[in-house]
Every structure is written in structure tokens, then in C-alpha cells.
Protein backbone atom coordinates (compact mmCIF):
# COMPACT_ATOMS: atom_id res chain seq x y z
CA UNK A 1 137.65 117.50 165.08
CA UNK A 2 138.02 116.87 161.55
CA UNK A 3 139.14 119.70 158.91
CA UNK A 4 137.77 120.35 155.81
CA UNK A 5 139.84 120.80 152.77
CA UNK A 6 138.43 122.91 150.03
CA UNK A 7 138.76 122.18 146.32
CA UNK A 8 140.57 124.83 144.03
CA UNK A 9 138.37 126.77 141.90
CA UNK A 10 139.98 124.97 138.87
CA UNK A 11 138.59 121.61 139.96
CA UNK A 12 136.52 119.88 137.33
CA UNK A 13 134.07 118.87 139.87
CA UNK A 14 133.23 122.38 140.41
CA UNK A 15 132.86 123.01 136.81
CA UNK A 16 129.50 120.66 136.54
CA UNK A 17 126.46 123.02 136.65
CA UNK A 18 123.99 120.15 137.03
CA UNK A 19 122.55 120.98 133.60
CA UNK A 20 122.02 117.80 131.07
CA UNK A 21 124.49 118.30 128.16
CA UNK A 22 123.11 118.63 124.69
CA UNK A 23 123.96 114.67 124.05
CA UNK A 24 121.86 114.17 127.05
CA UNK A 25 118.97 115.84 125.43
CA UNK A 26 119.20 114.46 122.13
CA UNK A 27 119.19 110.70 123.84
CA UNK A 28 115.99 112.00 125.62
CA UNK A 29 114.58 113.13 122.60
CA UNK A 30 115.30 110.03 120.54
CA UNK A 31 113.83 108.24 123.63
CA UNK A 32 110.70 110.11 124.22
CA UNK A 33 108.52 108.04 122.01
CA UNK A 34 108.96 105.25 124.15
CA UNK A 35 108.63 107.12 127.29
CA UNK A 36 105.08 108.36 126.34
CA UNK A 37 104.24 104.70 125.26
CA UNK A 38 105.43 103.22 128.69
CA UNK A 39 103.64 106.12 130.21
CA UNK A 40 100.23 105.06 128.63
CA UNK A 41 100.85 101.37 129.54
CA UNK A 42 101.18 102.36 133.08
CA UNK A 43 97.91 104.33 132.82
CA UNK A 44 96.17 101.46 131.79
CA UNK A 45 97.64 99.05 134.35
CA UNK A 46 96.55 101.46 136.89
CA UNK A 47 93.29 101.91 135.73
CA UNK A 48 92.76 98.11 135.92
CA UNK A 49 94.10 97.74 139.54
CA UNK A 50 90.66 98.09 141.44
CA UNK A 51 88.23 96.73 139.22
CA UNK A 52 87.57 93.39 137.11
CA UNK A 53 89.41 93.23 133.71
CA UNK A 54 86.81 92.89 130.82
CA UNK A 55 87.93 91.61 127.33
CA UNK A 56 87.80 95.34 126.28
CA UNK A 57 90.28 96.16 128.94
CA UNK A 58 92.32 93.20 128.05
CA UNK A 59 92.84 94.27 124.38
CA UNK A 60 93.82 97.57 125.50
CA UNK A 61 96.49 96.18 127.83
CA UNK A 62 97.81 94.24 124.97
CA UNK A 63 97.63 97.11 122.64
CA UNK A 64 99.80 98.99 124.73
CA UNK A 65 102.25 96.11 125.56
CA UNK A 66 102.74 95.70 121.58
CA UNK A 67 103.15 99.41 121.16
CA UNK A 68 105.91 99.38 123.83
CA UNK A 69 107.62 96.64 122.53
CA UNK A 70 107.75 97.72 118.72
CA UNK A 71 109.12 101.13 119.76
CA UNK A 72 111.58 99.54 121.93
CA UNK A 73 112.51 97.08 118.72
CA UNK A 74 112.80 100.44 116.58
CA UNK A 75 114.98 102.34 118.86
CA UNK A 76 117.11 99.25 119.38
CA UNK A 77 117.58 98.68 115.56
CA UNK A 78 118.38 102.19 114.90
CA UNK A 79 120.89 102.56 117.55
CA UNK A 80 122.42 99.10 116.08
CA UNK A 81 122.41 100.61 112.67
CA UNK A 82 123.89 104.07 113.53
CA UNK A 83 126.65 102.30 115.58
CA UNK A 84 127.63 100.20 112.71
CA UNK A 85 126.89 96.65 114.01
CA UNK A 86 124.73 94.03 112.40
CA UNK A 87 121.25 93.53 113.53
């Protein structure tokens, strides 16, 4: 039989309450436009799974992909500028 070792109540592992910190929430808020754009892209991709792709569908898909890429570029440039690095 194995013994169970309990941690003291002052342990750092027990201090974590499972909630995101303010820094985590700020990072999520900054990436929210990208998350929304990726969800839109996924919606278009899902809608095209079970039917033939028309020219209009292709345009919708390209537009969503370009939007995701543009937002990724903007976020990358913003974090590069904020961290003091050269783009």
C-alpha cells in the first residue's frame, strides 16, 4: 500500500485558484479579433464541406483567409513594436 503525502497549506501549488490572471485576460482580449476571424473562416470551410464550391464560395473563402492573415500580420507587428524589436 502506498502512502499519500499531503502538501502544507502554504504550498504555491495550492495557491493557484484556476482563474486566468489579468495578464492572461489582456492577452486574450488583444487576440480576440484574430479568434473571431478564424471562427468566420471555419464557418465558411464547414459550409463548403458537403456541396460543390461555386465562384462566389471561392471568393468568400479567399476573403476570410486574407482577413485572418491580415489580422495575424497586424498582431505580429504590434507585439514586435511593443517588445522593442525591429520588424
